[in-house]
Amino acid sequence: MKFKKVIATGASLVALGLALTACGSNSSKSGLADKQVLNWSYASELPSMDLSTATDTISFDQLNSTMEGIYRIGKNSKVEPGLATKTEVSKDGLTYTFTLRKNDKWSNGDPVTAQDFVYSWRRTVDPKTGSQYAYLFDGIANANDIIAGKKAVDTLGIKAEGKYKLVVTLEKKLPYFKLLMGFPVFFPQNQNVVEKYGKKYGTAAKYLVYNGPFKMEGWSGSNLSWKLVKNKNYWDKKDVKLSQINFSVNKSTTTSYNLYQSKKLDYTPLSTEQAKQLKGKDGYRVLKEARTNYLEFNETNKVFANKKIRQALSYAVNRQVLADKVLGAGTLPSLGIVSRDLAFNKGKDFAVAAKTTAGVTYNKAKAQKLLKEGLAEVGQSKLSFTLLGDDTDVSKQVTESLQSQIQQALPDVDVSVSNVPFKTRLQRSEDGDFDVVVSAWGADFADPISFLDLFTSDNSYNNGKWKNAEYDKLITASKTTDAGNVDKRWDDMVKASKILSEDQGVAPLYQLNVAYMLNPSVKGVIQNTAGVTWSFKDAYIANK
């Protein structure tokens, strides 16, 4: 996700979790604090609550807490019960029949039915919606033809048989299908509500209804604070311990750490220096993420369409310095676009299998040689460009480090830095309004294709417009002719990843690990490396 996941999303997408412990002396016999209120802070704004068009980890965190689909994704990406009480799979693995709960309602009292899934999926793949996540429906019958405008949306391989039976038809086996069903893009939507609010749908708390553990209040679409309150219509409300979660946006880690020290907050991310000082202390933890931050080049510009110039900029970056000196806390230099420890075949990590010396290596001499050749090819003697990033403390440190490294290694390059709000950076990336941008992606599920799919020629997330026919061919094979053969599919993806690195379609930088302090009284918050980062359904405040 563009976190993102993506991943949306990179350093700007680091969530800051905070908990307010109970006041008073009367403790519950259950071990719960009297006051079940969690205070949580994000480093960036909440861009959208429209699950058909959301693209970032903050939005998906919120959607995951206020909505629910066929399954929920639990700890360590384990598939857990959601709205489906029964799942039947045909012998050929191409037809899934889900029996849905009859006791779940939307927050306005409407029943949640199979038709809500049909409507939601059709809305997302409809080209008129413009969903950047529509590509995830690849493999569901007719999805690609619908997205391409070749077939009507009602031909999508999903249908309701009565109010509580949902049938999904696939064109090919999808090894990660159940994981997808726990991702917010595949959640239901209330058609009457979407049509009632039109373009306003998902832009503020009052323009939504919810069927998950919580419902949202107080979000105007642009304000920096809101809250989630327990949803009394949720089918499993008896197991939801928190009564309320208060959210606020704090872009400065210094501010949040000061609040943590004064016991006003129970969670704070740590700077590199703070992490060094606090490592080993009670409450110190490290969030490991299936997330890669990378440089994306706008190849509609002839300068960045030049392979040698892209390679020169990449060779000018010392990723070890970024990981150790700027980010710390165990952050790793990228081996390629796919993060480490995401997927394995015969005991071998995909990131290791796909590693190349090109694309992720620091080599000043080579950078200078390639730049000279590349500039000659485009008829320039010097290069000036703007590096776009987010306006959080960590992102500013990253862009400033990149600016310094590139200019020191390449005297003929002048780099300006523009740090803008996260929501603005996402929109400018999507609009192609950038020279070079620090982008980020978090895996939506534990499979390399979650990263590799982004850079096919027609993927909506391919903001830099890099194109490579052989890459496209390999990714297509991994999803079609070789989809049922584990080894062949693996080889296709390894080869594709190497092509992306060697052609410098993007320049992978680092895999973010985030050090933070968490008050031990906060329990049950689920953190996953792939997909939705934080899940609050099972969270609670323990009695001290």
Protein backbone atom coordinates (compact mmCIF):
# COMPACT_ATOMS: atom_id res chain seq x y z
CA MET A 1 0.00 0.00 0.00
CA LYS A 2 1.02 3.49 -0.60
CA PHE A 3 2.29 3.73 2.60
CA LYS A 4 2.02 2.11 1.62
CA LYS A 5 1.07 0.22 2.31
CA VAL A 6 1.66 2.16 0.33
CA ILE A 7 2.08 1.39 1.53
CA ALA A 8 1.39 4.17 0.57
CA THR A 9 3.07 5.17 1.91
CA GLY A 10 7.42 5.79 3.86
CA ALA A 11 8.85 7.55 6.87
CA SER A 12 5.92 9.95 6.67
CA LEU A 13 3.56 7.08 7.19
CA VAL A 14 4.92 6.01 10.59
CA ALA A 15 1.99 5.65 12.97
CA LEU A 16 2.39 7.04 16.45
CA GLY A 17 0.31 5.01 18.91
CA LEU A 18 -0.73 6.44 22.23
CA ALA A 19 -2.77 5.13 25.13
CA LEU A 20 -4.38 6.90 28.06
CA THR A 21 -4.46 4.75 31.15
CA ALA A 22 -7.34 4.69 33.56
CA CYS A 23 -7.85 7.12 36.38
CA GLY A 24 -9.31 6.17 39.73
CA SER A 25 -8.66 3.37 42.16
CA ASN A 26 -11.49 0.98 41.35
CA SER A 27 -10.08 -1.76 39.15
CA SER A 28 -12.00 -4.36 37.24
CA LYS A 29 -11.78 -7.97 38.34
CA SER A 30 -11.18 -8.85 34.71
CA GLY A 31 -7.83 -7.09 34.79
CA LEU A 32 -9.09 -4.22 32.62
CA ALA A 33 -8.58 -0.59 33.59
CA ASP A 34 -11.77 1.26 34.42
CA LYS A 35 -11.38 3.67 31.53
CA GLN A 36 -10.98 1.97 28.16
CA VAL A 37 -9.87 4.95 26.08
CA LEU A 38 -6.91 4.81 23.71
CA ASN A 39 -5.19 7.96 22.45
CA TRP A 40 -3.39 7.45 19.17
CA SER A 41 -1.37 9.85 17.09
CA TYR A 42 -0.38 9.76 13.44
CA ALA A 43 2.50 11.57 11.78
CA SER A 44 0.34 12.61 8.83
CA GLU A 45 -3.22 13.55 7.93
CA LEU A 46 -6.01 11.10 7.17
CA PRO A 47 -6.55 11.42 3.40
CA SER A 48 -9.72 9.39 2.73
CA MET A 49 -12.33 7.02 4.12
CA ASP A 50 -13.61 5.86 0.75
CA LEU A 51 -12.37 2.27 0.55
CA SER A 52 -12.65 2.30 -3.25
CA THR A 53 -10.21 5.17 -3.62
CA ALA A 54 -8.05 5.11 -0.44
CA THR A 55 -4.37 4.43 -1.08
CA ASP A 56 -2.43 4.83 2.15
CA THR A 57 -1.79 3.05 5.44
CA ILE A 58 -3.48 5.63 7.65
CA SER A 59 -6.72 5.38 5.68
CA PHE A 60 -6.55 1.59 5.72
CA ASP A 61 -5.89 1.52 9.47
CA GLN A 62 -9.04 3.57 9.97
CA LEU A 63 -11.10 1.56 7.49
CA ASN A 64 -9.98 -1.68 9.12
CA SER A 65 -11.27 -0.45 12.49
CA THR A 66 -14.58 0.92 11.22
CA MET A 67 -15.42 -1.62 8.52
CA GLU A 68 -15.28 -5.40 8.17
CA GLY A 69 -15.15 -7.82 5.30
CA ILE A 70 -15.38 -11.57 4.76
CA TYR A 71 -12.36 -12.16 7.01
CA ARG A 72 -10.25 -10.22 9.49
CA ILE A 73 -6.46 -10.45 9.48
CA GLY A 74 -5.14 -11.29 12.93
CA LYS A 75 -1.69 -11.50 14.45
CA ASN A 76 1.06 -12.67 12.08
CA SER A 77 -1.37 -12.23 9.17
CA LYS A 78 -3.55 -15.12 10.33
CA VAL A 79 -6.93 -15.23 8.59
CA GLU A 80 -9.69 -14.98 11.21
CA PRO A 81 -13.51 -14.92 11.08
CA GLY A 82 -15.14 -11.76 9.81
CA LEU A 83 -18.58 -11.70 8.26
CA ALA A 84 -18.25 -15.19 6.80
CA THR A 85 -19.48 -18.03 9.01
CA LYS A 86 -18.73 -20.68 6.38
CA THR A 87 -16.46 -20.92 3.34
CA GLU A 88 -16.81 -23.53 0.59
CA VAL A 89 -14.22 -23.89 -2.18
CA SER A 90 -14.78 -25.83 -5.40
CA LYS A 91 -12.42 -28.68 -6.30
CA ASP A 92 -10.72 -26.62 -9.01
CA GLY A 93 -10.14 -23.78 -6.55
CA LEU A 94 -11.96 -21.26 -8.74
CA THR A 95 -15.26 -20.83 -6.93
CA TYR A 96 -15.66 -19.58 -3.36
CA THR A 97 -19.04 -19.60 -1.64
CA PHE A 98 -19.34 -17.60 1.57
CA THR A 99 -22.19 -17.81 4.03
CA LEU A 100 -22.49 -14.47 5.81
CA ARG A 101 -23.61 -13.54 9.31
CA LYS A 102 -27.21 -12.44 9.72
CA ASN A 103 -26.58 -10.35 12.82
CA ASP A 104 -24.32 -7.60 11.49
CA LYS A 105 -25.72 -4.16 10.77
CA TRP A 106 -24.47 -0.88 9.42
CA SER A 107 -24.25 1.92 11.97
CA ASN A 108 -27.50 3.37 10.55
CA GLY A 109 -29.32 0.11 11.28
CA ASP A 110 -29.37 -1.35 7.74
CA PRO A 111 -28.49 -5.06 7.56
CA VAL A 112 -25.15 -5.96 5.97
CA THR A 113 -25.89 -8.29 3.07
CA ALA A 114 -24.16 -10.11 0.22
CA GLN A 115 -25.38 -7.39 -2.13
CA ASP A 116 -23.27 -4.86 -0.23
CA PHE A 117 -20.19 -6.82 -1.32
CA VAL A 118 -21.38 -7.07 -4.91
CA TYR A 119 -21.99 -3.33 -5.06
CA SER A 120 -18.68 -2.47 -3.40
CA TRP A 121 -16.54 -4.64 -5.66
CA ARG A 122 -18.28 -3.42 -8.79
CA ARG A 123 -17.83 0.18 -7.69
CA THR A 124 -14.11 -0.31 -7.12
CA VAL A 125 -13.37 -1.95 -10.48
CA ASP A 126 -15.57 0.49 -12.40
CA PRO A 127 -13.22 2.72 -14.45
CA LYS A 128 -15.44 5.70 -13.56
CA THR A 129 -14.40 5.35 -9.92
CA GLY A 130 -10.71 5.66 -10.75
CA SER A 131 -9.54 3.29 -8.02
CA GLN A 132 -5.77 2.83 -7.94
CA TYR A 133 -6.34 -0.47 -6.15
CA ALA A 134 -8.58 -1.98 -8.82
CA TYR A 135 -5.63 -4.03 -10.06
CA LEU A 136 -5.88 -6.21 -6.92
CA PHE A 137 -9.03 -7.71 -8.43
CA ASP A 138 -6.91 -9.34 -11.12
CA GLY A 139 -7.87 -13.01 -11.17
CA ILE A 140 -11.51 -12.43 -10.29
CA ALA A 141 -13.59 -13.26 -13.36
CA ASN A 142 -13.74 -10.41 -15.91
CA ALA A 143 -12.08 -7.88 -13.58
CA ASN A 144 -9.30 -6.90 -15.98
CA ASP A 145 -11.68 -6.49 -18.91
CA ILE A 146 -13.96 -4.31 -16.78
CA ILE A 147 -11.06 -2.14 -15.64
CA ALA A 148 -9.98 -1.79 -19.28
CA GLY A 149 -13.51 -0.74 -20.26
CA LYS A 150 -14.10 -3.85 -22.37
CA LYS A 151 -16.91 -5.35 -20.28
CA ALA A 152 -19.74 -4.09 -18.10
CA VAL A 153 -19.24 -3.99 -14.32
CA ASP A 154 -22.11 -6.40 -13.75
CA THR A 155 -20.07 -9.18 -15.40
CA LEU A 156 -17.61 -9.21 -12.47
CA GLY A 157 -17.22 -12.66 -10.92
CA ILE A 158 -19.25 -11.96 -7.80
CA LYS A 159 -22.93 -12.52 -7.14
CA ALA A 160 -25.37 -12.62 -4.26
CA GLU A 161 -27.53 -15.70 -3.84
CA GLY A 162 -30.13 -14.37 -1.44
CA LYS A 163 -29.23 -11.92 1.31
CA TYR A 164 -26.53 -13.94 3.04
CA LYS A 165 -24.76 -16.09 0.46
CA LEU A 166 -21.94 -14.66 -1.66
CA VAL A 167 -20.34 -16.49 -4.60
CA VAL A 168 -17.00 -15.40 -6.09
CA THR A 169 -15.67 -16.86 -9.34
CA LEU A 170 -11.97 -16.73 -10.22
CA GLU A 171 -10.27 -17.01 -13.60
CA LYS A 172 -7.18 -18.56 -12.04
CA LYS A 173 -6.03 -19.79 -8.67
CA LEU A 174 -4.93 -17.01 -6.34
CA PRO A 175 -2.60 -18.34 -3.62
CA TYR A 176 -3.24 -15.23 -1.52
CA PHE A 177 -7.01 -14.96 -2.08
CA LYS A 178 -8.05 -15.32 1.57
CA LEU A 179 -5.56 -12.67 2.62
CA LEU A 180 -7.10 -10.31 0.07
CA MET A 181 -10.52 -10.88 1.60
CA GLY A 182 -9.25 -9.34 4.83
CA PHE A 183 -7.95 -6.20 3.10
CA PRO A 184 -10.23 -3.10 3.20
CA VAL A 185 -10.46 -2.75 -0.59
CA PHE A 186 -12.63 -5.90 -0.54
CA PHE A 187 -14.96 -4.78 2.26
CA PRO A 188 -18.69 -4.10 1.63
CA GLN A 189 -20.25 -0.69 1.02
CA ASN A 190 -23.82 0.49 1.59
CA GLN A 191 -25.12 1.48 -1.84
CA ASN A 192 -27.86 3.79 -0.55
CA VAL A 193 -25.34 5.74 1.52
CA VAL A 194 -22.78 6.02 -1.28
CA GLU A 195 -25.41 7.28 -3.70
CA LYS A 196 -26.94 9.62 -1.10
CA TYR A 197 -23.67 11.46 -0.48
CA GLY A 198 -22.22 11.21 -3.96
CA LYS A 199 -18.85 12.97 -4.25
CA LYS A 200 -18.90 13.73 -0.51
CA TYR A 201 -18.90 10.02 0.37
CA GLY A 202 -15.83 9.12 2.42
CA THR A 203 -14.64 12.73 2.73
CA ALA A 204 -15.84 13.24 6.33
CA ALA A 205 -17.14 11.10 9.17
CA LYS A 206 -20.74 12.23 8.66
CA TYR A 207 -20.69 11.02 5.05
CA LEU A 208 -20.24 7.36 5.95
CA VAL A 209 -21.79 4.39 7.70
CA TYR A 210 -19.82 1.66 9.44
CA ASN A 211 -20.11 -2.07 10.02
CA GLY A 212 -16.89 -2.69 11.96
CA PRO A 213 -15.88 -2.62 15.64
CA PHE A 214 -15.91 1.18 15.77
CA LYS A 215 -17.56 4.13 14.06
CA MET A 216 -15.91 7.45 13.34
CA GLU A 217 -16.87 10.82 14.77
CA GLY A 218 -15.49 14.33 14.40
CA TRP A 219 -13.42 13.97 11.22
CA SER A 220 -14.18 16.84 8.83
CA GLY A 221 -11.86 15.64 6.10
CA SER A 222 -9.12 18.15 6.83
CA ASN A 223 -8.92 18.50 10.62
CA LEU A 224 -6.10 16.95 12.60
CA SER A 225 -8.14 15.16 15.27
CA TRP A 226 -11.06 12.73 15.38
CA LYS A 227 -12.24 9.73 17.33
CA LEU A 228 -13.56 6.22 16.94
CA VAL A 229 -16.29 5.05 19.31
CA LYS A 230 -17.53 1.53 19.91
CA ASN A 231 -20.11 0.48 17.31
CA LYS A 232 -23.16 -0.91 19.09
CA ASN A 233 -24.38 -2.52 15.86
CA TYR A 234 -21.21 -4.61 15.36
CA TRP A 235 -21.86 -8.36 15.49
CA ASP A 236 -18.97 -9.04 17.90
CA LYS A 237 -19.31 -5.94 20.09
CA LYS A 238 -19.07 -8.06 23.26
CA ASP A 239 -15.40 -8.75 22.49
CA VAL A 240 -14.51 -5.10 21.80
CA LYS A 241 -12.98 -3.70 25.00
CA LEU A 242 -12.16 -0.13 24.02
CA SER A 243 -14.96 2.39 24.33
CA GLN A 244 -13.14 5.09 22.39
CA ILE A 245 -9.96 5.85 20.45
CA ASN A 246 -8.89 9.49 20.13
CA PHE A 247 -6.69 10.32 17.15
CA SER A 248 -4.51 13.35 16.59
CA VAL A 249 -1.85 14.29 14.06
CA ASN A 250 1.58 15.20 15.43
CA LYS A 251 4.26 15.63 12.79
CA SER A 252 7.08 16.20 15.27
CA THR A 253 8.52 13.17 17.05
CA THR A 254 10.13 15.52 19.56
CA THR A 255 6.71 16.73 20.65
CA SER A 256 5.25 13.26 21.03
CA TYR A 257 8.28 12.02 22.98
CA ASN A 258 8.04 14.96 25.39
CA LEU A 259 4.37 14.11 25.97
CA TYR A 260 5.32 10.49 26.54
CA GLN A 261 7.91 11.48 29.11
CA SER A 262 5.36 13.57 30.96
CA LYS A 263 3.00 10.55 30.99
CA LYS A 264 0.39 12.29 28.86
CA LEU A 265 0.91 9.77 26.07
CA ASP A 266 1.68 6.07 26.22
CA TYR A 267 3.32 5.63 22.83
CA THR A 268 5.92 7.55 20.92
CA PRO A 269 8.20 6.78 17.98
CA LEU A 270 11.85 7.43 18.60
CA SER A 271 14.47 9.31 16.66
CA THR A 272 17.73 7.54 15.88
CA GLU A 273 19.42 9.19 18.85
CA GLN A 274 16.50 8.48 21.19
CA ALA A 275 16.49 4.84 20.11
CA LYS A 276 20.19 4.52 20.93
CA GLN A 277 19.60 5.93 24.40
CA LEU A 278 16.46 3.97 25.20
CA LYS A 279 17.20 0.59 23.63
CA GLY A 280 16.68 -2.11 26.23
CA LYS A 281 14.50 0.06 28.45
CA ASP A 282 11.08 -1.15 29.59
CA GLY A 283 8.58 -0.43 26.83
CA TYR A 284 11.17 -0.18 24.03
CA ARG A 285 10.01 -1.96 20.87
CA VAL A 286 10.77 -2.05 17.18
CA LEU A 287 8.10 -2.08 14.49
CA LYS A 288 9.32 -4.18 11.57
CA GLU A 289 7.56 -3.34 8.36
CA ALA A 290 7.20 -5.04 4.98
CA ARG A 291 7.77 -1.61 3.49
CA THR A 292 10.24 -0.22 0.99
CA ASN A 293 11.02 3.46 0.53
CA TYR A 294 12.32 4.29 -2.91
CA LEU A 295 13.09 7.10 -5.33
CA GLU A 296 10.63 7.36 -8.19
CA PHE A 297 11.67 9.24 -11.33
CA ASN A 298 9.24 11.09 -13.57
CA GLU A 299 10.09 9.49 -16.90
CA THR A 300 7.78 11.76 -18.86
CA ASN A 301 10.76 14.14 -18.49
CA LYS A 302 13.46 13.28 -21.04
CA VAL A 303 16.15 13.68 -18.39
CA PHE A 304 14.73 10.96 -16.15
CA ALA A 305 13.76 8.83 -19.11
CA ASN A 306 17.51 8.42 -19.52
CA LYS A 307 18.60 5.20 -17.84
CA LYS A 308 22.15 6.38 -17.14
CA ILE A 309 20.95 9.47 -15.28
CA ARG A 310 18.60 7.37 -13.14
CA GLN A 311 21.43 4.97 -12.42
CA ALA A 312 23.83 7.81 -11.60
CA LEU A 313 21.48 9.23 -8.98
CA SER A 314 21.02 5.79 -7.45
CA TYR A 315 24.76 5.03 -7.32
CA ALA A 316 25.24 8.38 -5.56
CA VAL A 317 23.20 7.27 -2.54
CA ASN A 318 24.80 5.44 0.38
CA ARG A 319 21.88 3.45 1.72
CA GLN A 320 23.81 2.20 4.74
CA VAL A 321 24.23 5.78 5.91
CA LEU A 322 20.49 6.39 5.49
CA ALA A 323 19.64 3.23 7.43
CA ASP A 324 22.16 3.62 10.25
CA LYS A 325 22.67 7.35 10.69
CA VAL A 326 19.36 8.88 9.67
CA LEU A 327 16.77 6.24 10.57
CA GLY A 328 18.42 3.77 12.94
CA ALA A 329 16.48 1.22 15.01
CA GLY A 330 17.51 -1.65 12.78
CA THR A 331 16.30 -0.07 9.52
CA LEU A 332 17.81 -2.03 6.63
CA PRO A 333 19.30 -0.90 3.31
CA SER A 334 17.18 -2.26 0.48
CA LEU A 335 18.40 -5.24 -1.50
CA GLY A 336 15.70 -4.59 -4.09
CA ILE A 337 12.12 -3.38 -4.27
CA VAL A 338 10.74 -6.35 -2.27
CA SER A 339 11.31 -6.14 1.47
CA ARG A 340 13.19 -8.81 3.40
CA ASP A 341 11.39 -11.56 5.31
CA LEU A 342 8.20 -11.15 3.29
CA ALA A 343 8.23 -14.37 1.27
CA PHE A 344 10.31 -17.53 1.08
CA ASN A 345 10.70 -20.44 -1.32
CA LYS A 346 12.63 -23.53 -0.24
CA GLY A 347 13.98 -21.57 2.68
CA LYS A 348 15.36 -18.69 0.62
CA ASP A 349 14.23 -15.13 1.18
CA PHE A 350 12.90 -13.53 -2.01
CA ALA A 351 14.83 -10.31 -1.34
CA VAL A 352 18.08 -12.27 -1.21
CA ALA A 353 17.23 -14.34 -4.29
CA ALA A 354 16.48 -11.20 -6.33
CA LYS A 355 19.43 -9.13 -5.11
CA THR A 356 21.67 -7.50 -7.73
CA THR A 357 24.69 -5.23 -7.39
CA ALA A 358 22.95 -2.77 -9.72
CA GLY A 359 20.20 -0.55 -8.48
CA VAL A 360 21.02 -0.46 -4.77
CA THR A 361 24.79 0.04 -4.53
CA TYR A 362 26.83 3.14 -3.62
CA ASN A 363 29.60 3.81 -6.15
CA LYS A 364 30.69 7.44 -6.51
CA ALA A 365 33.01 6.89 -9.47
CA LYS A 366 30.41 4.96 -11.40
CA ALA A 367 27.77 7.57 -10.57
CA GLN A 368 29.94 10.35 -12.00
CA LYS A 369 30.74 8.40 -15.16
CA LEU A 370 27.10 7.51 -15.82
CA LEU A 371 25.93 11.06 -15.17
CA LYS A 372 28.43 12.52 -17.64
CA GLU A 373 27.34 10.03 -20.32
CA GLY A 374 23.67 10.51 -19.57
CA LEU A 375 23.78 14.29 -19.66
CA ALA A 376 25.61 14.15 -22.99
CA GLU A 377 22.87 11.94 -24.38
CA VAL A 378 20.13 14.42 -23.39
CA GLY A 379 22.19 17.45 -24.47
CA GLN A 380 22.82 18.99 -21.04
CA SER A 381 25.92 19.81 -19.05
CA LYS A 382 24.27 20.02 -15.64
CA LEU A 383 21.17 18.70 -13.89
CA SER A 384 18.82 20.54 -11.56
CA PHE A 385 15.75 18.93 -10.05
CA THR A 386 13.42 19.07 -7.06
CA LEU A 387 13.19 16.15 -4.66
CA LEU A 388 9.66 15.80 -3.30
CA GLY A 389 8.96 14.35 0.14
CA ASP A 390 6.61 14.57 3.11
CA ASP A 391 6.77 17.29 5.75
CA THR A 392 7.29 15.09 8.82
CA ASP A 393 10.48 15.28 10.86
CA VAL A 394 11.76 11.91 9.68
CA SER A 395 10.95 12.54 6.02
CA LYS A 396 12.72 15.90 6.16
CA GLN A 397 15.81 14.19 7.53
CA VAL A 398 15.69 11.62 4.72
CA THR A 399 15.28 14.16 1.91
CA GLU A 400 18.01 16.39 3.35
CA SER A 401 20.38 13.43 3.57
CA LEU A 402 19.62 12.44 -0.02
CA GLN A 403 20.13 16.01 -1.18
CA SER A 404 23.51 16.17 0.56
CA GLN A 405 24.69 12.77 -0.64
CA ILE A 406 23.75 13.34 -4.28
CA GLN A 407 25.30 16.80 -4.45
CA GLN A 408 28.51 15.67 -2.78
CA ALA A 409 28.90 12.69 -5.12
CA LEU A 410 27.76 14.56 -8.23
CA PRO A 411 28.99 18.19 -8.37
CA ASP A 412 27.08 18.76 -11.64
CA VAL A 413 23.73 18.10 -9.93
CA ASP A 414 21.74 20.69 -7.99
CA VAL A 415 18.98 19.23 -5.80
CA SER A 416 16.22 21.34 -4.29
CA VAL A 417 14.01 19.80 -1.62
CA SER A 418 10.26 20.29 -1.29
CA ASN A 419 8.59 18.79 1.78
CA VAL A 420 4.80 18.94 1.63
CA PRO A 421 1.90 17.43 3.61
CA PHE A 422 1.46 13.71 3.05
CA LYS A 423 -1.90 14.12 1.32
CA THR A 424 -0.37 16.69 -1.05
CA ARG A 425 2.58 14.43 -1.84
CA LEU A 426 0.24 11.57 -2.71
CA GLN A 427 -1.82 13.78 -5.03
CA ARG A 428 1.21 15.29 -6.73
CA SER A 429 2.67 11.82 -7.27
CA GLU A 430 -0.57 10.60 -8.78
CA ASP A 431 -0.78 13.68 -11.03
CA GLY A 432 2.82 13.29 -12.21
CA ASP A 433 3.63 16.68 -10.69
CA PHE A 434 7.19 15.89 -9.58
CA ASP A 435 10.76 15.42 -10.79
CA VAL A 436 11.91 12.82 -8.28
CA VAL A 437 9.83 11.77 -5.29
CA VAL A 438 10.54 9.71 -2.20
CA SER A 439 7.76 7.13 -2.44
CA ALA A 440 6.96 4.19 -0.22
CA TRP A 441 5.05 0.97 -0.47
CA GLY A 442 3.94 -1.46 2.18
CA ALA A 443 2.92 -4.95 1.09
CA ASP A 444 -0.83 -5.52 1.08
CA PHE A 445 -0.26 -9.23 1.66
CA ALA A 446 2.72 -11.52 2.16
CA ASP A 447 3.67 -12.12 -1.47
CA PRO A 448 6.32 -10.43 -3.70
CA ILE A 449 3.68 -9.61 -6.30
CA SER A 450 2.31 -6.99 -3.91
CA PHE A 451 5.43 -4.95 -4.69
CA LEU A 452 6.20 -6.06 -8.22
CA ASP A 453 2.73 -5.42 -9.62
CA LEU A 454 3.21 -1.68 -9.08
CA PHE A 455 5.67 -1.21 -11.89
CA THR A 456 3.92 -2.88 -14.79
CA SER A 457 3.27 -0.46 -17.63
CA ASP A 458 -0.44 -0.01 -16.99
CA ASN A 459 -0.50 -0.04 -13.17
CA SER A 460 -2.13 3.07 -11.73
CA TYR A 461 0.57 3.27 -9.05
CA ASN A 462 3.34 3.47 -11.63
CA ASN A 463 3.55 7.23 -11.19
CA GLY A 464 6.98 7.48 -12.80
CA LYS A 465 5.71 5.80 -15.99
CA TRP A 466 8.65 3.38 -16.25
CA LYS A 467 8.03 0.73 -18.89
CA ASN A 468 9.78 -2.52 -19.73
CA ALA A 469 8.22 -5.12 -22.00
CA GLU A 470 10.16 -8.07 -20.56
CA TYR A 471 9.18 -7.05 -17.03
CA ASP A 472 5.51 -6.91 -18.04
CA LYS A 473 5.82 -10.32 -19.69
CA LEU A 474 7.30 -11.94 -16.58
CA ILE A 475 4.71 -10.45 -14.23
CA THR A 476 1.92 -11.58 -16.55
CA ALA A 477 3.34 -15.12 -16.65
CA SER A 478 3.55 -15.23 -12.85
CA LYS A 479 -0.16 -14.46 -12.69
CA THR A 480 -1.36 -16.65 -15.55
CA THR A 481 0.51 -19.54 -17.18
CA ASP A 482 2.83 -20.06 -14.20
CA ALA A 483 0.37 -19.13 -11.43
CA GLY A 484 -0.14 -22.75 -10.40
CA ASN A 485 3.55 -23.67 -10.42
CA VAL A 486 5.26 -22.38 -7.27
CA ASP A 487 8.83 -22.62 -8.62
CA LYS A 488 8.12 -21.14 -12.05
CA ARG A 489 6.10 -18.31 -10.53
CA TRP A 490 8.94 -17.62 -8.11
CA ASP A 491 11.51 -17.53 -10.91
CA ASP A 492 9.34 -15.15 -12.95
CA MET A 493 9.16 -12.72 -10.05
CA VAL A 494 12.87 -12.98 -9.23
CA LYS A 495 13.80 -12.20 -12.84
CA ALA A 496 11.35 -9.29 -12.93
CA SER A 497 12.75 -7.82 -9.73
CA LYS A 498 16.27 -7.98 -11.15
CA ILE A 499 15.15 -6.19 -14.30
CA LEU A 500 13.58 -3.40 -12.23
CA SER A 501 16.83 -2.96 -10.29
CA GLU A 502 19.17 -3.15 -13.27
CA ASP A 503 17.10 -0.79 -15.41
CA GLN A 504 16.67 1.50 -12.38
CA GLY A 505 12.92 1.75 -12.89
CA VAL A 506 12.96 3.02 -9.32
CA ALA A 507 15.80 3.32 -6.81
CA PRO A 508 15.04 1.26 -3.67
CA LEU A 509 16.43 2.95 -0.55
CA TYR A 510 15.59 1.22 2.72
CA GLN A 511 13.25 -1.07 4.61
CA LEU A 512 11.90 0.93 7.51
CA ASN A 513 12.00 -0.41 11.03
CA VAL A 514 10.66 2.03 13.61
CA ALA A 515 11.72 2.15 17.24
CA TYR A 516 9.09 3.26 19.71
CA MET A 517 8.15 3.30 23.38
CA LEU A 518 4.87 1.73 24.44
CA ASN A 519 3.39 1.75 27.92
CA PRO A 520 3.06 -1.92 28.96
CA SER A 521 -0.54 -1.32 30.07
CA VAL A 522 -1.59 -1.18 26.41
CA LYS A 523 -2.45 -4.70 25.28
CA GLY A 524 -3.91 -6.45 22.27
CA VAL A 525 -3.01 -3.98 19.54
CA ILE A 526 -2.18 -6.12 16.51
CA GLN A 527 0.69 -5.04 14.32
CA ASN A 528 1.34 -6.75 10.98
CA THR A 529 4.20 -6.19 8.57
CA ALA A 530 2.01 -6.68 5.48
CA GLY A 531 -1.45 -5.30 4.83
CA VAL A 532 -3.06 -3.11 7.48
CA THR A 533 -0.37 -2.09 9.96
CA TRP A 534 -2.42 -1.58 13.14
CA SER A 535 -5.62 -3.34 14.22
CA PHE A 536 -7.49 -2.11 17.30
CA LYS A 537 -10.41 -4.52 17.61
CA ASP A 538 -8.74 -6.60 20.34
CA ALA A 539 -6.93 -3.72 22.06
CA TYR A 540 -7.50 -2.84 25.70
CA ILE A 541 -5.96 -0.98 28.62
CA ALA A 542 -4.83 -3.34 31.38
CA ASN A 543 -5.20 -2.49 35.02
CA LYS A 544 -1.84 -1.47 36.49
